[in-house]
Amino acid sequence: MIKRENVKKTNQVKVTFIQPYDETKARTYVLGDFNDWTPKANPLIKRSNGTASASVTFDPGQRIRFRYYTEDGEWFNDESADAYEVGEHGAENCIVEV
């Protein structure tokens, strides 16, 4: 799931990337254009509601490519992405419009 909300008193938008928390899965991160696809830059943190999430703030009007990555090397997409497109390495990336 992807949640967007305007940041008060600014022109920015906070995007929260949310996945169900599964303690049997390896630690999960969100990677994308916004962090140069750097592993471990944006870990999903366990929440009390059974999910794990990471939030990133953007200027409005951006088109962001991203995917999820686990410490054990698994890549996966978000079913609630706005769109999908094949990236430079041949894998399908998620798109979120801010």
N, C-alpha and C. Protein backbone atom coordinates (compact mmCIF):
# COMPACT_ATOMS: atom_id res chain seq x y z
N MET A 1 0.84 -1.17 0.00
CA MET A 1 0.00 0.00 0.00
C MET A 1 0.90 1.24 0.00
N ILE A 2 0.41 2.27 -0.62
CA ILE A 2 1.13 3.54 -0.67
C ILE A 2 0.20 4.63 -0.16
N LYS A 3 0.68 5.38 0.80
CA LYS A 3 -0.12 6.45 1.39
C LYS A 3 0.57 7.78 1.11
N ARG A 4 -0.22 8.77 0.69
CA ARG A 4 0.32 10.12 0.44
C ARG A 4 -0.38 11.11 1.36
N GLU A 5 0.38 12.05 1.88
CA GLU A 5 -0.24 13.13 2.66
C GLU A 5 0.61 14.39 2.54
N ASN A 6 -0.06 15.51 2.48
CA ASN A 6 0.64 16.79 2.40
C ASN A 6 1.29 17.09 3.74
N VAL A 7 2.51 17.59 3.69
CA VAL A 7 3.23 17.97 4.90
C VAL A 7 2.78 19.39 5.26
N LYS A 8 2.29 19.55 6.48
CA LYS A 8 1.76 20.84 6.93
C LYS A 8 2.80 21.95 6.80
N LYS A 9 2.33 23.10 6.36
CA LYS A 9 3.13 24.32 6.25
C LYS A 9 4.28 24.21 5.26
N THR A 10 4.21 23.23 4.36
CA THR A 10 5.21 23.11 3.30
C THR A 10 4.49 22.77 2.00
N ASN A 11 5.23 22.72 0.93
CA ASN A 11 4.68 22.33 -0.36
C ASN A 11 5.08 20.90 -0.69
N GLN A 12 5.42 20.11 0.33
CA GLN A 12 5.91 18.76 0.10
C GLN A 12 4.85 17.71 0.41
N VAL A 13 5.11 16.51 -0.10
CA VAL A 13 4.21 15.39 0.09
C VAL A 13 4.98 14.24 0.74
N LYS A 14 4.44 13.71 1.83
CA LYS A 14 5.06 12.55 2.47
C LYS A 14 4.42 11.29 1.87
N VAL A 15 5.25 10.42 1.33
CA VAL A 15 4.79 9.16 0.78
C VAL A 15 5.25 8.06 1.73
N THR A 16 4.29 7.25 2.18
CA THR A 16 4.59 6.14 3.08
C THR A 16 4.39 4.84 2.32
N PHE A 17 5.44 4.04 2.28
CA PHE A 17 5.43 2.74 1.63
C PHE A 17 5.12 1.70 2.71
N ILE A 18 4.06 0.94 2.53
CA ILE A 18 3.56 0.05 3.58
C ILE A 18 3.43 -1.38 3.05
N GLN A 19 3.91 -2.32 3.83
CA GLN A 19 3.78 -3.75 3.51
C GLN A 19 3.34 -4.50 4.77
N PRO A 20 2.66 -5.63 4.60
CA PRO A 20 2.35 -6.44 5.78
C PRO A 20 3.65 -6.88 6.45
N TYR A 21 3.66 -6.88 7.77
CA TYR A 21 4.86 -7.33 8.49
C TYR A 21 4.82 -8.85 8.61
N ASP A 22 5.93 -9.48 8.29
CA ASP A 22 6.05 -10.93 8.39
C ASP A 22 7.38 -11.22 9.06
N GLU A 23 7.33 -11.68 10.31
CA GLU A 23 8.58 -11.90 11.06
C GLU A 23 9.41 -13.04 10.49
N THR A 24 8.84 -13.86 9.61
CA THR A 24 9.61 -14.94 9.00
C THR A 24 10.39 -14.46 7.78
N LYS A 25 10.07 -13.26 7.28
CA LYS A 25 10.78 -12.70 6.12
C LYS A 25 12.01 -11.93 6.56
N ALA A 26 12.97 -11.85 5.68
CA ALA A 26 14.16 -11.04 5.93
C ALA A 26 13.76 -9.56 5.96
N ARG A 27 14.59 -8.75 6.56
CA ARG A 27 14.34 -7.31 6.64
C ARG A 27 14.12 -6.74 5.24
N THR A 28 13.15 -5.83 5.12
CA THR A 28 12.77 -5.28 3.83
C THR A 28 13.09 -3.79 3.76
N TYR A 29 13.47 -3.34 2.56
CA TYR A 29 13.81 -1.94 2.31
C TYR A 29 13.05 -1.47 1.08
N VAL A 30 12.84 -0.15 0.99
CA VAL A 30 12.30 0.42 -0.24
C VAL A 30 13.46 1.16 -0.92
N LEU A 31 13.68 0.81 -2.19
CA LEU A 31 14.76 1.40 -2.98
C LEU A 31 14.16 2.07 -4.20
N GLY A 32 14.79 3.15 -4.63
CA GLY A 32 14.28 3.82 -5.81
C GLY A 32 15.13 4.99 -6.24
N ASP A 33 14.57 5.77 -7.16
CA ASP A 33 15.25 6.96 -7.66
C ASP A 33 15.64 7.90 -6.52
N PHE A 34 14.81 7.96 -5.51
CA PHE A 34 14.99 8.93 -4.42
C PHE A 34 16.17 8.61 -3.52
N ASN A 35 16.66 7.37 -3.52
CA ASN A 35 17.83 7.04 -2.71
C ASN A 35 18.92 6.35 -3.53
N ASP A 36 18.90 6.61 -4.84
CA ASP A 36 19.89 6.04 -5.77
C ASP A 36 19.93 4.51 -5.70
N TRP A 37 18.78 3.90 -5.39
CA TRP A 37 18.66 2.44 -5.32
C TRP A 37 19.66 1.84 -4.33
N THR A 38 19.89 2.55 -3.23
CA THR A 38 20.85 2.14 -2.22
C THR A 38 20.21 1.19 -1.21
N PRO A 39 20.69 -0.06 -1.16
CA PRO A 39 20.17 -0.98 -0.15
C PRO A 39 20.39 -0.44 1.26
N LYS A 40 19.46 -0.69 2.11
CA LYS A 40 19.48 -0.34 3.53
C LYS A 40 19.27 1.15 3.81
N ALA A 41 19.07 1.98 2.78
CA ALA A 41 18.87 3.41 3.01
C ALA A 41 17.51 3.70 3.65
N ASN A 42 16.48 2.96 3.27
CA ASN A 42 15.14 3.20 3.78
C ASN A 42 14.49 1.88 4.21
N PRO A 43 14.81 1.42 5.43
CA PRO A 43 14.22 0.16 5.90
C PRO A 43 12.74 0.35 6.26
N LEU A 44 11.97 -0.70 6.06
CA LEU A 44 10.58 -0.71 6.52
C LEU A 44 10.62 -1.09 8.00
N ILE A 45 9.99 -0.26 8.83
CA ILE A 45 10.00 -0.43 10.28
C ILE A 45 8.69 -1.07 10.73
N LYS A 46 8.79 -2.06 11.60
CA LYS A 46 7.60 -2.74 12.12
C LYS A 46 6.73 -1.76 12.89
N ARG A 47 5.42 -1.81 12.64
CA ARG A 47 4.43 -0.99 13.34
C ARG A 47 3.55 -1.88 14.21
N SER A 48 2.85 -1.30 15.15
CA SER A 48 2.00 -2.06 16.06
C SER A 48 0.73 -2.60 15.39
N ASN A 49 0.43 -2.13 14.18
CA ASN A 49 -0.79 -2.56 13.49
C ASN A 49 -0.56 -3.73 12.54
N GLY A 50 0.58 -4.40 12.65
CA GLY A 50 0.85 -5.57 11.81
C GLY A 50 1.45 -5.23 10.45
N THR A 51 1.89 -4.00 10.28
CA THR A 51 2.51 -3.61 9.02
C THR A 51 3.95 -3.16 9.29
N ALA A 52 4.66 -2.92 8.22
CA ALA A 52 6.00 -2.31 8.27
C ALA A 52 5.99 -1.20 7.24
N SER A 53 6.61 -0.06 7.56
CA SER A 53 6.56 1.07 6.63
C SER A 53 7.81 1.93 6.69
N ALA A 54 7.97 2.71 5.63
CA ALA A 54 9.02 3.72 5.54
C ALA A 54 8.42 4.93 4.84
N SER A 55 8.73 6.12 5.31
CA SER A 55 8.21 7.35 4.72
C SER A 55 9.33 8.17 4.11
N VAL A 56 9.02 8.79 2.98
CA VAL A 56 9.97 9.65 2.28
C VAL A 56 9.20 10.89 1.84
N THR A 57 9.82 12.06 1.96
CA THR A 57 9.18 13.32 1.59
C THR A 57 9.69 13.78 0.23
N PHE A 58 8.75 14.21 -0.62
CA PHE A 58 9.06 14.63 -1.98
C PHE A 58 8.43 15.98 -2.30
N ASP A 59 8.98 16.65 -3.29
CA ASP A 59 8.30 17.80 -3.87
C ASP A 59 7.19 17.27 -4.76
N PRO A 60 6.06 17.97 -4.84
CA PRO A 60 4.96 17.48 -5.68
C PRO A 60 5.32 17.50 -7.16
N GLY A 61 4.61 16.68 -7.94
CA GLY A 61 4.81 16.64 -9.37
C GLY A 61 5.85 15.64 -9.83
N GLN A 62 6.44 14.89 -8.91
CA GLN A 62 7.48 13.94 -9.29
C GLN A 62 6.89 12.58 -9.65
N ARG A 63 7.60 11.87 -10.47
CA ARG A 63 7.27 10.49 -10.86
C ARG A 63 8.42 9.63 -10.36
N ILE A 64 8.16 8.81 -9.35
CA ILE A 64 9.21 8.08 -8.66
C ILE A 64 9.16 6.59 -9.03
N ARG A 65 10.32 6.03 -9.39
CA ARG A 65 10.45 4.59 -9.61
C ARG A 65 10.96 3.96 -8.32
N PHE A 66 10.40 2.79 -7.97
CA PHE A 66 10.84 2.11 -6.75
C PHE A 66 10.51 0.63 -6.80
N ARG A 67 11.13 -0.13 -5.89
CA ARG A 67 10.84 -1.54 -5.65
C ARG A 67 11.21 -1.84 -4.21
N TYR A 68 10.74 -2.96 -3.72
CA TYR A 68 11.12 -3.45 -2.40
C TYR A 68 12.21 -4.49 -2.55
N TYR A 69 13.09 -4.54 -1.56
CA TYR A 69 14.23 -5.46 -1.58
C TYR A 69 14.42 -6.03 -0.18
N THR A 70 14.63 -7.34 -0.08
CA THR A 70 14.87 -7.95 1.23
C THR A 70 16.35 -8.29 1.38
N GLU A 71 16.77 -8.41 2.63
CA GLU A 71 18.18 -8.74 2.91
C GLU A 71 18.61 -10.06 2.30
N ASP A 72 17.66 -10.96 2.04
CA ASP A 72 18.05 -12.22 1.42
C ASP A 72 18.03 -12.17 -0.11
N GLY A 73 17.93 -10.95 -0.67
CA GLY A 73 18.08 -10.76 -2.11
C GLY A 73 16.82 -10.80 -2.93
N GLU A 74 15.66 -10.86 -2.30
CA GLU A 74 14.39 -10.90 -3.04
C GLU A 74 13.93 -9.48 -3.41
N TRP A 75 13.56 -9.28 -4.66
CA TRP A 75 12.97 -8.04 -5.13
C TRP A 75 11.47 -8.28 -5.32
N PHE A 76 10.63 -7.31 -4.97
CA PHE A 76 9.21 -7.44 -5.26
C PHE A 76 8.58 -6.07 -5.40
N ASN A 77 7.42 -6.06 -6.04
CA ASN A 77 6.72 -4.81 -6.34
C ASN A 77 5.53 -4.60 -5.42
N ASP A 78 5.01 -3.39 -5.43
CA ASP A 78 3.84 -3.01 -4.66
C ASP A 78 2.62 -3.09 -5.56
N GLU A 79 1.63 -3.87 -5.16
CA GLU A 79 0.42 -4.03 -5.96
C GLU A 79 -0.37 -2.75 -6.10
N SER A 80 -0.14 -1.79 -5.22
CA SER A 80 -0.91 -0.54 -5.27
C SER A 80 -0.16 0.60 -5.97
N ALA A 81 0.91 0.27 -6.69
CA ALA A 81 1.65 1.29 -7.44
C ALA A 81 0.74 1.93 -8.49
N ASP A 82 1.04 3.18 -8.83
CA ASP A 82 0.25 3.89 -9.85
C ASP A 82 0.45 3.30 -11.24
N ALA A 83 1.64 2.77 -11.49
CA ALA A 83 1.96 2.19 -12.80
C ALA A 83 3.21 1.34 -12.63
N TYR A 84 3.60 0.68 -13.73
CA TYR A 84 4.80 -0.14 -13.75
C TYR A 84 5.51 0.11 -15.07
N GLU A 85 6.85 0.01 -15.05
CA GLU A 85 7.60 0.14 -16.29
C GLU A 85 8.89 -0.67 -16.18
N VAL A 86 9.34 -1.16 -17.30
CA VAL A 86 10.58 -1.93 -17.31
C VAL A 86 11.76 -0.98 -17.13
N GLY A 87 12.62 -1.31 -16.18
CA GLY A 87 13.79 -0.48 -15.89
C GLY A 87 14.99 -0.85 -16.73
N GLU A 88 16.09 -0.17 -16.50
CA GLU A 88 17.29 -0.36 -17.29
C GLU A 88 17.93 -1.74 -17.14
N HIS A 89 17.58 -2.47 -16.07
CA HIS A 89 18.13 -3.81 -15.86
C HIS A 89 17.15 -4.90 -16.26
N GLY A 90 16.03 -4.51 -16.90
CA GLY A 90 15.07 -5.47 -17.41
C GLY A 90 13.96 -5.86 -16.44
N ALA A 91 14.03 -5.44 -15.19
CA ALA A 91 13.00 -5.75 -14.21
C ALA A 91 11.91 -4.69 -14.25
N GLU A 92 10.72 -5.08 -13.87
CA GLU A 92 9.60 -4.15 -13.84
C GLU A 92 9.65 -3.34 -12.54
N ASN A 93 9.69 -2.02 -12.65
CA ASN A 93 9.70 -1.13 -11.49
C ASN A 93 8.31 -0.59 -11.23
N CYS A 94 8.06 -0.27 -9.98
CA CYS A 94 6.82 0.41 -9.59
C CYS A 94 6.98 1.90 -9.85
N ILE A 95 5.87 2.56 -10.11
CA ILE A 95 5.84 4.01 -10.29
C ILE A 95 4.84 4.58 -9.29
N VAL A 96 5.23 5.64 -8.60
CA VAL A 96 4.30 6.39 -7.76
C VAL A 96 4.38 7.84 -8.21
N GLU A 97 3.20 8.42 -8.43
CA GLU A 97 3.09 9.84 -8.82
C GLU A 97 2.88 10.66 -7.54
N VAL A 98 3.71 11.67 -7.36
CA VAL A 98 3.60 12.51 -6.15
C VAL A 98 2.90 13.80 -6.50
